[in-house]
Amino acid sequence: MSKAGFASFAALTASCLFPAVCFADAVASKLIDQRSAAQVGLERAWFGQVHMDPGADKLVSVTQQTSFDPAVTYQVFEVTTDDGRTYSYSERDRAAFGRPLGVDGAKQSAQTRLEQLTADGAKATLVERGIPHTILLAQTRRGTIHVFDAETGKTLWSRNVGRGDYPSTAAAANDKYVAMLNGLTLYVFQRADGRLVWERKVGGAPSAGPALSNDVVFVPMAGGKVEGYKLETPRDPAWSYKAAGQILVQPTVTPRSVAFATDRGWMYVSRPDNPAVRFRLEARGSIVTAPAYRFPMIYAASQDGYAYAMHETAGGTAWRFSAGMPIDQPLAAVGNAVYVSPERGGMYRLDATTGAEVWKARQANRFLAASATRVYAVDAYRRLTVVDASNGGVTGQLRTDQLDLPIVNQETDRIYLAERNGLIQCLHEIDADRPMLHISANPTEPPIKKADDALPGEEGDVPADEADPGFEPPLPADDDAPDFGAQGAAGDLFGNIGGNR
């Protein structure tokens, strides 16, 4: 090759590699370094990059789902001494020659450690824990869905869904399936490997992402309509329910209920398996964040400045709390605490049972996660803020200036930070190798007694069969709706709604 030809080739190669090199450098510059994290008692567990074109696409949502399915949980054996030392052995740990210990090997290792400590005069106990499987579902504007193992950062699967010029909603999952909407098409995939199970057209323009119970996928529509489709028999006619107002956030699914809220201040609580609305709560302002859940209560917040608590099956407004400012950040319910972040008003910790204020952290603006002794939040300057869980005092801050998508984690103690360019980072407390769980597969805590009457000066909950503006009883979908197969309904039903979001 001539010198001129070689020079041209070198220039072309450099021009092709330059964007990738720049992007890699940009990602590296946004990683929270371990030294800075250690100053506030944290370490970066992993980071990952969503499969996307950063020049033409952006990350728009990250959702989380934890499965207690025995097929995906793993066993951990912990030996704890009276002086606070903990020795942990997992069936996933490696033995000689890189082979997994397995359940029996991990148990035997823990038993050996217990015997050694006892022989040395220490008091120790052995506890077996089942660790559920948590995933993060990252969704881009152009319809890419990327699923991470939330504990290791490993990519489980990734795929492009539908058309990139149609709007896509946030994804949702249960123990078996993942669902998302692209345009007017609902897609359902296997949770484990991303294999497409089925797809079909829905009955209107979606207004928020879907939600999944064990049996049904719920799809909020423009105009306040909710459609439900059986996951195992999607060809069956859908049921529908018409709410008062627009549903702008994903419904919240619990083992016994489904709650969806509207911008007219109504929260509806339905059954998750045989959909029928049990009752409704009326607030005085729009509800623009998804309801939170702590067995057996559902919590909602509205732009009238109030947070509300309602029993998920019996109804009844157990309490309400006035924050004095509109609440447009998601509530978080962890243990016996509910965290409320009003507009320009700091972050409150409330007693989940009574609604009483425990403390207020003025420098915190949005809840991220919580451990046994700390609460993690974001402040007005996008700094990761460490709050003492006992009194609300700020004990440390970490710069995260480029933080775009803080993720509310009510399920474990892990801190997840995401950016529009697709970078996701996971932090946890130093040496916290196993996640602390805030949820249970079979909660056993006693139910909170519901209030006998609505609180003074408010409507409270309303039986579902009383009329309100926009109320319609559940109805089956039109029997003459177009049939659909594995590739969805024929024809383009998306109309003039298309375009990038």
Protein backbone atom coordinates (compact mmCIF):
# COMPACT_ATOMS: atom_id res chain seq x y z
CA MET A 1 0.00 0.00 0.00
CA SER A 2 1.31 3.45 -0.90
CA LYS A 3 2.04 6.04 1.78
CA ALA A 4 -0.94 8.10 0.58
CA GLY A 5 -3.21 5.08 0.68
CA PHE A 6 -2.01 4.09 4.12
CA ALA A 7 -2.56 7.62 5.39
CA SER A 8 -6.13 7.60 4.05
CA PHE A 9 -6.80 4.20 5.62
CA ALA A 10 -5.40 5.37 8.97
CA ALA A 11 -7.54 8.51 8.88
CA LEU A 12 -10.68 6.47 8.08
CA THR A 13 -9.92 3.99 10.85
CA ALA A 14 -9.39 6.78 13.37
CA SER A 15 -12.64 8.47 12.36
CA CYS A 16 -14.55 5.22 12.86
CA LEU A 17 -12.99 4.46 16.22
CA PHE A 18 -13.11 8.00 17.60
CA PRO A 19 -16.84 8.03 18.57
CA ALA A 20 -16.52 4.69 20.36
CA VAL A 21 -13.38 5.82 22.18
CA CYS A 22 -15.05 9.09 23.18
CA PHE A 23 -18.14 7.28 24.41
CA ALA A 24 -16.05 4.84 26.45
CA ASP A 25 -14.14 7.75 27.98
CA ALA A 26 -17.42 9.53 28.77
CA VAL A 27 -18.79 6.44 30.51
CA ALA A 28 -15.59 5.99 32.51
CA SER A 29 -15.68 9.62 33.61
CA LYS A 30 -19.17 9.15 35.05
CA LEU A 31 -18.40 6.05 37.09
CA ILE A 32 -18.40 6.60 40.84
CA ASP A 33 -14.85 5.70 41.85
CA GLN A 34 -14.32 3.31 44.72
CA ARG A 35 -12.33 5.76 46.82
CA SER A 36 -15.10 8.37 46.79
CA ALA A 37 -17.72 5.72 47.50
CA ALA A 38 -15.70 4.36 50.43
CA GLN A 39 -15.68 7.79 52.07
CA VAL A 40 -19.42 7.40 52.69
CA GLY A 41 -19.23 3.68 53.52
CA LEU A 42 -20.17 2.37 50.06
CA GLU A 43 -18.61 0.36 47.28
CA ARG A 44 -19.52 0.02 43.63
CA ALA A 45 -20.69 -3.55 43.10
CA TRP A 46 -21.03 -3.39 39.31
CA PHE A 47 -21.80 -1.19 36.35
CA GLY A 48 -23.36 -2.05 33.01
CA GLN A 49 -24.23 -0.47 29.69
CA VAL A 50 -27.61 -0.85 27.99
CA HIS A 51 -27.31 -2.08 24.39
CA MET A 52 -28.26 1.06 22.47
CA ASP A 53 -26.97 3.69 20.06
CA PRO A 54 -26.11 6.58 22.42
CA GLY A 55 -26.18 9.06 19.53
CA ALA A 56 -29.73 8.24 18.42
CA ASP A 57 -31.37 6.70 21.48
CA LYS A 58 -31.69 7.31 25.21
CA LEU A 59 -32.70 5.42 28.31
CA VAL A 60 -36.19 6.43 29.48
CA SER A 61 -37.09 4.05 32.31
CA VAL A 62 -35.69 1.35 34.59
CA THR A 63 -38.05 -0.91 36.52
CA GLN A 64 -37.33 -3.67 39.02
CA GLN A 65 -38.84 -7.06 39.85
CA THR A 66 -37.96 -9.64 42.50
CA SER A 67 -38.94 -13.29 42.15
CA PHE A 68 -39.26 -15.78 45.01
CA ASP A 69 -39.74 -18.66 42.57
CA PRO A 70 -37.70 -21.61 43.96
CA ALA A 71 -36.34 -22.21 40.47
CA VAL A 72 -34.35 -18.96 40.57
CA THR A 73 -33.63 -18.43 44.29
CA TYR A 74 -30.38 -19.64 45.84
CA GLN A 75 -29.42 -20.60 49.37
CA VAL A 76 -26.99 -18.78 51.65
CA PHE A 77 -25.81 -20.03 55.05
CA GLU A 78 -24.65 -17.35 57.50
CA VAL A 79 -22.74 -17.89 60.72
CA THR A 80 -23.03 -14.88 63.04
CA THR A 81 -21.17 -14.36 66.30
CA ASP A 82 -22.29 -12.35 69.31
CA ASP A 83 -19.58 -9.76 68.66
CA GLY A 84 -20.98 -9.00 65.18
CA ARG A 85 -18.79 -11.10 62.90
CA THR A 86 -20.58 -12.79 59.98
CA TYR A 87 -19.34 -15.62 57.77
CA SER A 88 -21.43 -16.25 54.67
CA TYR A 89 -21.46 -19.29 52.35
CA SER A 90 -23.54 -19.44 49.19
CA GLU A 91 -24.37 -22.38 46.99
CA ARG A 92 -22.99 -20.21 44.16
CA ASP A 93 -19.56 -19.86 45.81
CA ARG A 94 -16.71 -21.71 44.16
CA ALA A 95 -14.93 -24.72 45.61
CA ALA A 96 -11.75 -26.38 44.34
CA PHE A 97 -11.21 -26.25 40.57
CA GLY A 98 -13.91 -23.58 40.22
CA ARG A 99 -16.87 -25.84 40.83
CA PRO A 100 -19.92 -24.36 42.62
CA LEU A 101 -20.22 -25.39 46.26
CA GLY A 102 -23.87 -26.30 45.85
CA VAL A 103 -26.37 -26.34 48.70
CA ASP A 104 -24.77 -29.26 50.55
CA GLY A 105 -21.25 -27.87 50.17
CA ALA A 106 -22.25 -24.40 51.38
CA LYS A 107 -24.10 -25.88 54.35
CA GLN A 108 -21.15 -28.08 55.28
CA SER A 109 -18.73 -25.13 55.04
CA ALA A 110 -20.97 -23.08 57.34
CA GLN A 111 -21.31 -25.99 59.80
CA THR A 112 -17.53 -26.40 59.89
CA ARG A 113 -17.07 -22.70 60.61
CA LEU A 114 -19.71 -22.87 63.38
CA GLU A 115 -17.89 -25.78 65.03
CA GLN A 116 -14.54 -23.96 64.83
CA LEU A 117 -15.96 -20.83 66.46
CA THR A 118 -17.69 -22.84 69.16
CA ALA A 119 -14.45 -24.72 69.90
CA ASP A 120 -12.72 -21.35 70.32
CA GLY A 121 -15.29 -20.30 72.91
CA ALA A 122 -17.34 -17.96 70.72
CA LYS A 123 -21.11 -17.91 70.72
CA ALA A 124 -22.40 -18.23 67.16
CA THR A 125 -25.58 -19.13 65.30
CA LEU A 126 -26.19 -20.59 61.84
CA VAL A 127 -29.03 -19.21 59.73
CA GLU A 128 -30.15 -20.35 56.28
CA ARG A 129 -31.48 -17.69 53.89
CA GLY A 130 -33.11 -17.97 50.52
CA ILE A 131 -31.99 -15.15 48.21
CA PRO A 132 -34.60 -14.29 45.56
CA HIS A 133 -33.72 -13.24 42.03
CA THR A 134 -34.03 -9.53 41.23
CA ILE A 135 -33.87 -8.10 37.72
CA LEU A 136 -33.66 -4.59 36.31
CA LEU A 137 -35.59 -3.88 33.10
CA ALA A 138 -34.06 -0.97 31.20
CA GLN A 139 -36.20 0.54 28.44
CA THR A 140 -35.02 2.94 25.73
CA ARG A 141 -36.97 5.48 23.70
CA ARG A 142 -36.55 3.47 20.48
CA GLY A 143 -37.93 0.24 21.92
CA THR A 144 -34.87 -1.63 23.18
CA ILE A 145 -35.37 -3.64 26.36
CA HIS A 146 -32.27 -4.75 28.27
CA VAL A 147 -32.60 -7.03 31.30
CA PHE A 148 -29.85 -7.15 33.96
CA ASP A 149 -29.33 -9.45 36.92
CA ALA A 150 -29.70 -6.78 39.61
CA GLU A 151 -27.20 -8.40 41.97
CA THR A 152 -24.34 -9.15 39.57
CA GLY A 153 -24.95 -6.77 36.65
CA LYS A 154 -24.88 -9.67 34.20
CA THR A 155 -26.91 -9.11 31.03
CA LEU A 156 -29.65 -11.75 30.94
CA TRP A 157 -31.04 -10.74 27.56
CA SER A 158 -31.64 -7.76 25.31
CA ARG A 159 -33.77 -7.20 22.23
CA ASN A 160 -35.34 -4.54 20.05
CA VAL A 161 -39.12 -4.54 20.27
CA GLY A 162 -41.55 -3.23 17.66
CA ARG A 163 -40.72 -0.14 15.66
CA GLY A 164 -38.19 2.42 16.80
CA ASP A 165 -40.36 5.33 15.64
CA TYR A 166 -43.31 4.22 17.80
CA PRO A 167 -43.40 5.22 21.48
CA SER A 168 -42.59 2.47 23.98
CA THR A 169 -43.67 2.27 27.61
CA ALA A 170 -41.82 1.11 30.71
CA ALA A 171 -41.62 -2.67 31.02
CA ALA A 172 -43.04 -4.82 33.83
CA ALA A 173 -42.49 -8.40 34.97
CA ASN A 174 -43.74 -11.21 37.18
CA ASP A 175 -42.05 -14.52 38.01
CA LYS A 176 -42.54 -15.91 34.49
CA TYR A 177 -43.08 -13.07 32.04
CA VAL A 178 -41.95 -9.60 30.96
CA ALA A 179 -44.41 -7.28 29.20
CA MET A 180 -44.00 -3.99 27.35
CA LEU A 181 -45.93 -1.87 24.88
CA ASN A 182 -44.70 -0.47 21.59
CA GLY A 183 -47.26 1.62 19.74
CA LEU A 184 -50.55 -0.23 20.04
CA THR A 185 -48.96 -3.67 20.42
CA LEU A 186 -48.50 -5.52 23.67
CA TYR A 187 -45.51 -7.90 23.77
CA VAL A 188 -45.03 -10.66 26.34
CA PHE A 189 -41.66 -12.42 26.74
CA GLN A 190 -40.23 -15.19 28.88
CA ARG A 191 -38.58 -13.63 31.93
CA ALA A 192 -35.67 -16.04 31.87
CA ASP A 193 -34.43 -15.72 28.29
CA GLY A 194 -36.48 -13.06 26.49
CA ARG A 195 -38.21 -15.46 24.12
CA LEU A 196 -41.36 -13.93 22.62
CA VAL A 197 -44.43 -15.73 23.98
CA TRP A 198 -47.16 -13.71 22.29
CA GLU A 199 -48.12 -10.29 21.00
CA ARG A 200 -51.41 -8.60 20.23
CA LYS A 201 -52.97 -5.24 19.52
CA VAL A 202 -54.59 -3.47 22.46
CA GLY A 203 -57.80 -1.50 22.35
CA GLY A 204 -56.41 2.02 22.34
CA ALA A 205 -53.41 4.27 22.86
CA PRO A 206 -51.53 3.26 26.06
CA SER A 207 -51.14 6.02 28.64
CA ALA A 208 -48.61 4.22 30.89
CA GLY A 209 -46.65 1.00 31.12
CA PRO A 210 -48.35 -2.34 31.84
CA ALA A 211 -48.43 -4.24 35.14
CA LEU A 212 -48.51 -8.00 35.71
CA SER A 213 -50.17 -10.12 38.35
CA ASN A 214 -49.66 -13.88 38.28
CA ASP A 215 -52.43 -14.33 35.72
CA VAL A 216 -53.26 -11.00 34.07
CA VAL A 217 -51.43 -8.18 32.30
CA PHE A 218 -53.07 -4.79 32.92
CA VAL A 219 -52.78 -2.07 30.26
CA PRO A 220 -53.73 1.57 31.08
CA MET A 221 -55.26 3.43 28.11
CA ALA A 222 -55.80 7.04 27.19
CA GLY A 223 -59.11 8.26 28.61
CA GLY A 224 -58.81 6.27 31.85
CA LYS A 225 -59.62 2.83 30.48
CA VAL A 226 -57.80 -0.24 31.81
CA GLU A 227 -57.72 -3.47 29.81
CA GLY A 228 -56.80 -6.87 31.22
CA TYR A 229 -55.50 -9.85 29.24
CA LYS A 230 -55.00 -13.39 30.52
CA LEU A 231 -51.33 -14.27 30.25
CA GLU A 232 -51.96 -17.93 29.45
CA THR A 233 -54.95 -17.38 27.12
CA PRO A 234 -54.35 -14.06 25.35
CA ARG A 235 -56.88 -14.84 22.60
CA ASP A 236 -59.72 -14.60 25.12
CA PRO A 237 -61.67 -11.33 25.01
CA ALA A 238 -60.15 -8.72 27.26
CA TRP A 239 -62.04 -7.19 30.17
CA SER A 240 -62.02 -3.43 30.62
CA TYR A 241 -62.73 -0.84 33.28
CA LYS A 242 -63.27 2.91 32.83
CA ALA A 243 -61.76 5.11 35.55
CA ALA A 244 -62.33 8.81 36.18
CA GLY A 245 -59.37 10.69 34.73
CA GLN A 246 -56.14 9.70 32.98
CA ILE A 247 -53.89 6.92 34.30
CA LEU A 248 -50.40 8.37 33.90
CA VAL A 249 -48.30 5.85 35.89
CA GLN A 250 -47.96 2.09 35.94
CA PRO A 251 -50.39 0.26 38.24
CA THR A 252 -49.00 -1.26 41.44
CA VAL A 253 -49.47 -5.03 41.77
CA THR A 254 -49.41 -6.82 45.14
CA PRO A 255 -50.06 -10.50 45.87
CA ARG A 256 -53.70 -9.67 46.63
CA SER A 257 -54.50 -6.46 44.75
CA VAL A 258 -53.87 -4.13 41.84
CA ALA A 259 -53.95 -0.37 42.46
CA PHE A 260 -54.12 2.24 39.70
CA ALA A 261 -54.39 6.00 40.14
CA THR A 262 -55.59 8.88 37.98
CA ASP A 263 -54.83 12.55 37.48
CA ARG A 264 -58.27 13.38 38.89
CA GLY A 265 -57.26 12.06 42.30
CA TRP A 266 -58.87 8.62 42.27
CA MET A 267 -57.05 5.45 43.32
CA TYR A 268 -58.83 2.22 42.39
CA VAL A 269 -58.01 -1.09 44.08
CA SER A 270 -58.88 -4.24 42.13
CA ARG A 271 -58.46 -7.98 42.52
CA PRO A 272 -55.36 -9.33 40.74
CA ASP A 273 -56.73 -12.66 39.47
CA ASN A 274 -60.45 -12.19 38.80
CA PRO A 275 -60.45 -8.45 38.09
CA ALA A 276 -63.18 -6.60 39.95
CA VAL A 277 -62.71 -3.21 41.60
CA ARG A 278 -63.11 -3.48 45.37
CA PHE A 279 -63.16 0.20 46.31
CA ARG A 280 -61.78 3.63 45.48
CA LEU A 281 -59.98 6.38 47.34
CA GLU A 282 -60.63 10.01 46.40
CA ALA A 283 -57.90 12.61 46.95
CA ARG A 284 -58.25 16.33 46.33
CA GLY A 285 -55.39 16.53 43.82
CA SER A 286 -53.90 14.58 40.93
CA ILE A 287 -52.05 11.36 41.71
CA VAL A 288 -49.04 11.35 39.40
CA THR A 289 -46.83 8.72 41.10
CA ALA A 290 -47.39 5.00 41.40
CA PRO A 291 -48.87 3.81 44.72
CA ALA A 292 -46.44 2.15 47.17
CA TYR A 293 -47.12 -1.07 49.07
CA ARG A 294 -46.28 -2.57 52.45
CA PHE A 295 -48.38 -5.53 53.55
CA PRO A 296 -51.26 -5.04 54.02
CA MET A 297 -51.42 -1.32 53.14
CA ILE A 298 -51.34 0.64 49.90
CA TYR A 299 -50.00 4.20 50.06
CA ALA A 300 -50.77 7.00 47.62
CA ALA A 301 -49.72 10.63 47.42
CA SER A 302 -51.35 13.48 45.54
CA GLN A 303 -50.62 17.01 44.47
CA ASP A 304 -52.94 18.30 47.16
CA GLY A 305 -49.97 17.70 49.48
CA TYR A 306 -51.39 14.65 51.28
CA ALA A 307 -50.17 11.06 51.59
CA TYR A 308 -52.85 8.44 52.20
CA ALA A 309 -52.83 4.89 53.59
CA MET A 310 -55.52 2.34 52.73
CA HIS A 311 -55.99 -1.33 53.61
CA GLU A 312 -55.59 -3.30 50.38
CA THR A 313 -58.53 -5.68 50.85
CA ALA A 314 -60.77 -4.16 53.53
CA GLY A 315 -60.61 -0.55 52.37
CA GLY A 316 -60.74 2.26 54.85
CA THR A 317 -58.46 5.28 55.06
CA ALA A 318 -56.13 4.32 57.90
CA TRP A 319 -54.43 7.72 57.97
CA ARG A 320 -53.46 10.73 55.91
CA PHE A 321 -50.47 13.02 56.31
CA SER A 322 -50.13 16.63 55.15
CA ALA A 323 -46.73 17.50 53.70
CA GLY A 324 -47.79 21.08 52.96
CA MET A 325 -46.56 20.94 49.34
CA PRO A 326 -47.58 18.94 46.23
CA ILE A 327 -46.10 15.44 46.19
CA ASP A 328 -44.79 14.48 42.77
CA GLN A 329 -41.98 12.09 43.77
CA PRO A 330 -42.70 8.38 44.33
CA LEU A 331 -43.49 7.23 47.85
CA ALA A 332 -41.41 4.39 49.30
CA ALA A 333 -42.63 1.89 51.89
CA VAL A 334 -39.81 -0.01 53.63
CA GLY A 335 -40.23 -1.90 56.88
CA ASN A 336 -42.34 0.20 59.22
CA ALA A 337 -41.51 3.43 57.39
CA VAL A 338 -43.07 5.39 54.54
CA TYR A 339 -40.84 8.01 52.89
CA VAL A 340 -42.56 11.09 51.43
CA SER A 341 -40.79 13.71 49.31
CA PRO A 342 -42.91 16.82 48.66
CA GLU A 343 -41.95 19.47 46.14
CA ARG A 344 -39.16 21.64 47.61
CA GLY A 345 -39.86 20.19 51.02
CA GLY A 346 -37.17 17.65 51.94
CA MET A 347 -38.01 14.03 52.77
CA TYR A 348 -40.25 12.83 55.61
CA ARG A 349 -40.09 9.49 57.34
CA LEU A 350 -43.54 8.45 58.56
CA ASP A 351 -44.62 5.57 60.76
CA ALA A 352 -46.25 3.17 58.29
CA THR A 353 -48.88 2.08 60.80
CA THR A 354 -50.03 5.44 62.17
CA GLY A 355 -48.80 8.02 59.65
CA ALA A 356 -47.01 9.95 62.43
CA GLU A 357 -43.95 11.96 61.41
CA VAL A 358 -40.73 10.34 62.68
CA TRP A 359 -38.27 12.85 61.21
CA LYS A 360 -37.64 15.16 58.28
CA ALA A 361 -34.38 15.33 56.29
CA ARG A 362 -34.36 18.77 54.70
CA GLN A 363 -31.43 18.05 52.35
CA ALA A 364 -32.98 14.92 50.84
CA ASN A 365 -35.36 15.23 47.89
CA ARG A 366 -35.99 11.69 46.67
CA PHE A 367 -35.71 8.23 48.25
CA LEU A 368 -33.34 5.73 46.62
CA ALA A 369 -32.83 2.80 49.02
CA ALA A 370 -32.45 1.85 52.69
CA SER A 371 -30.35 -0.50 54.79
CA ALA A 372 -30.74 -1.41 58.46
CA THR A 373 -29.22 1.86 59.69
CA ARG A 374 -29.17 4.21 56.71
CA VAL A 375 -31.46 5.78 54.15
CA TYR A 376 -30.09 6.85 50.76
CA ALA A 377 -31.61 9.73 48.82
CA VAL A 378 -30.87 12.34 46.16
CA ASP A 379 -30.72 16.03 47.04
CA ALA A 380 -31.61 19.06 44.92
CA TYR A 381 -28.10 19.10 43.41
CA ARG A 382 -28.21 15.42 42.38
CA ARG A 383 -25.86 14.38 45.16
CA LEU A 384 -26.24 10.96 46.74
CA THR A 385 -27.20 11.80 50.32
CA VAL A 386 -26.69 9.43 53.27
CA VAL A 387 -29.27 9.84 56.05
CA ASP A 388 -29.22 8.31 59.52
CA ALA A 389 -32.31 6.09 59.64
CA SER A 390 -32.88 6.75 63.34
CA ASN A 391 -33.01 10.57 63.35
CA GLY A 392 -32.88 11.90 59.77
CA GLY A 393 -29.47 13.52 60.14
CA VAL A 394 -27.31 13.72 57.01
CA THR A 395 -24.08 11.80 57.57
CA GLY A 396 -22.47 12.06 54.13
CA GLN A 397 -22.85 13.08 50.51
CA LEU A 398 -21.40 11.85 47.22
CA ARG A 399 -21.31 13.83 44.00
CA THR A 400 -23.42 12.30 41.20
CA ASP A 401 -23.87 15.36 39.00
CA GLN A 402 -24.73 13.39 35.87
CA LEU A 403 -27.43 11.31 37.58
CA ASP A 404 -30.49 11.28 35.30
CA LEU A 405 -32.69 8.37 36.40
CA PRO A 406 -32.59 7.64 40.14
CA ILE A 407 -34.32 4.31 40.78
CA VAL A 408 -36.55 3.88 43.83
CA ASN A 409 -35.67 0.50 45.37
CA GLN A 410 -38.18 -0.63 48.00
CA GLU A 411 -37.18 -4.29 47.74
CA THR A 412 -33.51 -4.49 48.82
CA ASP A 413 -30.70 -2.32 50.20
CA ARG A 414 -29.01 -1.90 46.78
CA ILE A 415 -28.60 1.60 45.31
CA TYR A 416 -29.18 1.79 41.55
CA LEU A 417 -28.18 4.86 39.54
CA ALA A 418 -28.93 5.23 35.82
CA GLU A 419 -28.19 7.80 33.14
CA ARG A 420 -29.85 8.62 29.83
CA ASN A 421 -26.82 7.30 27.92
CA GLY A 422 -27.58 3.80 29.23
CA LEU A 423 -25.01 3.57 32.03
CA ILE A 424 -26.31 1.81 35.16
CA GLN A 425 -24.36 1.51 38.42
CA CYS A 426 -25.05 -0.48 41.58
CA LEU A 427 -23.71 0.54 44.99
CA HIS A 428 -24.05 -1.11 48.37
CA GLU A 429 -22.55 -0.77 51.82
CA ILE A 430 -19.00 -2.09 52.22
CA ASP A 431 -18.92 -5.85 52.81
CA ALA A 432 -22.69 -6.17 52.28
CA ASP A 433 -22.15 -9.06 49.88
CA ARG A 434 -25.69 -10.39 50.19
CA PRO A 435 -28.71 -8.16 49.66
CA MET A 436 -30.89 -7.19 52.60
CA LEU A 437 -34.51 -7.94 51.70
CA HIS A 438 -37.35 -5.59 52.58
CA ILE A 439 -40.06 -7.80 51.08
CA SER A 440 -41.30 -11.32 51.76
CA ALA A 441 -42.91 -13.96 49.58
CA ASN A 442 -45.45 -14.74 52.32
CA PRO A 443 -45.78 -11.78 54.68
CA THR A 444 -47.02 -12.73 58.14
CA GLU A 445 -47.14 -9.41 59.95
CA PRO A 446 -50.56 -8.73 61.47
CA PRO A 447 -53.01 -6.67 59.42
CA ILE A 448 -53.44 -3.04 60.40
CA LYS A 449 -56.93 -2.39 61.62
CA LYS A 450 -58.75 -0.18 59.13
CA ALA A 451 -60.39 3.05 60.16
CA ASP A 452 -64.08 2.77 60.97
CA ASP A 453 -64.89 6.05 59.24
CA ALA A 454 -63.27 8.37 56.75
CA LEU A 455 -61.09 11.03 58.27
CA PRO A 456 -62.83 14.33 58.98
CA GLY A 457 -63.08 16.65 56.01
CA GLU A 458 -62.34 14.10 53.24
CA GLU A 459 -64.30 11.69 51.11
CA GLY A 460 -62.24 8.66 52.05
CA ASP A 461 -62.73 5.39 50.22
CA VAL A 462 -65.88 4.80 48.20
CA PRO A 463 -67.48 1.43 47.43
CA ALA A 464 -66.77 0.47 43.83
CA ASP A 465 -70.42 0.20 42.84
CA GLU A 466 -71.25 3.86 43.61
CA ALA A 467 -71.30 6.03 40.55
CA ASP A 468 -68.79 8.79 39.97
CA PRO A 469 -67.98 10.85 36.89
CA GLY A 470 -66.45 8.47 34.42
CA PHE A 471 -67.34 5.26 36.29
CA GLU A 472 -68.32 2.31 34.17
CA PRO A 473 -68.63 -1.29 35.34
CA PRO A 474 -66.13 -3.82 33.98
CA LEU A 475 -67.12 -4.93 30.50
CA PRO A 476 -65.72 -7.51 28.11
CA ALA A 477 -63.93 -6.25 25.04
CA ASP A 478 -65.77 -6.14 21.72
CA ASP A 479 -66.47 -9.64 20.47
CA ASP A 480 -65.79 -8.55 16.92
CA ALA A 481 -62.27 -7.31 17.67
CA PRO A 482 -59.79 -8.38 15.00
CA ASP A 483 -58.22 -11.79 15.50
CA PHE A 484 -54.49 -11.97 16.10
CA GLY A 485 -51.82 -14.58 15.74
CA ALA A 486 -48.22 -14.94 16.73
CA GLN A 487 -47.34 -11.87 14.67
CA GLY A 488 -50.16 -9.69 16.00
CA ALA A 489 -53.18 -8.27 14.20
CA ALA A 490 -52.88 -7.55 10.51
CA GLY A 491 -52.62 -3.98 9.35
CA ASP A 492 -51.21 -0.82 10.88
CA LEU A 493 -53.54 0.32 13.66
CA PHE A 494 -51.14 2.88 15.04
CA GLY A 495 -52.48 5.65 12.84
CA ASN A 496 -51.15 9.14 13.35
CA ILE A 497 -49.83 8.55 16.86
CA GLY A 498 -46.40 7.51 15.63
CA GLY A 499 -43.18 9.40 16.16
CA ASN A 500 -40.34 9.54 18.61
CA ARG A 501 -41.11 10.35 22.17
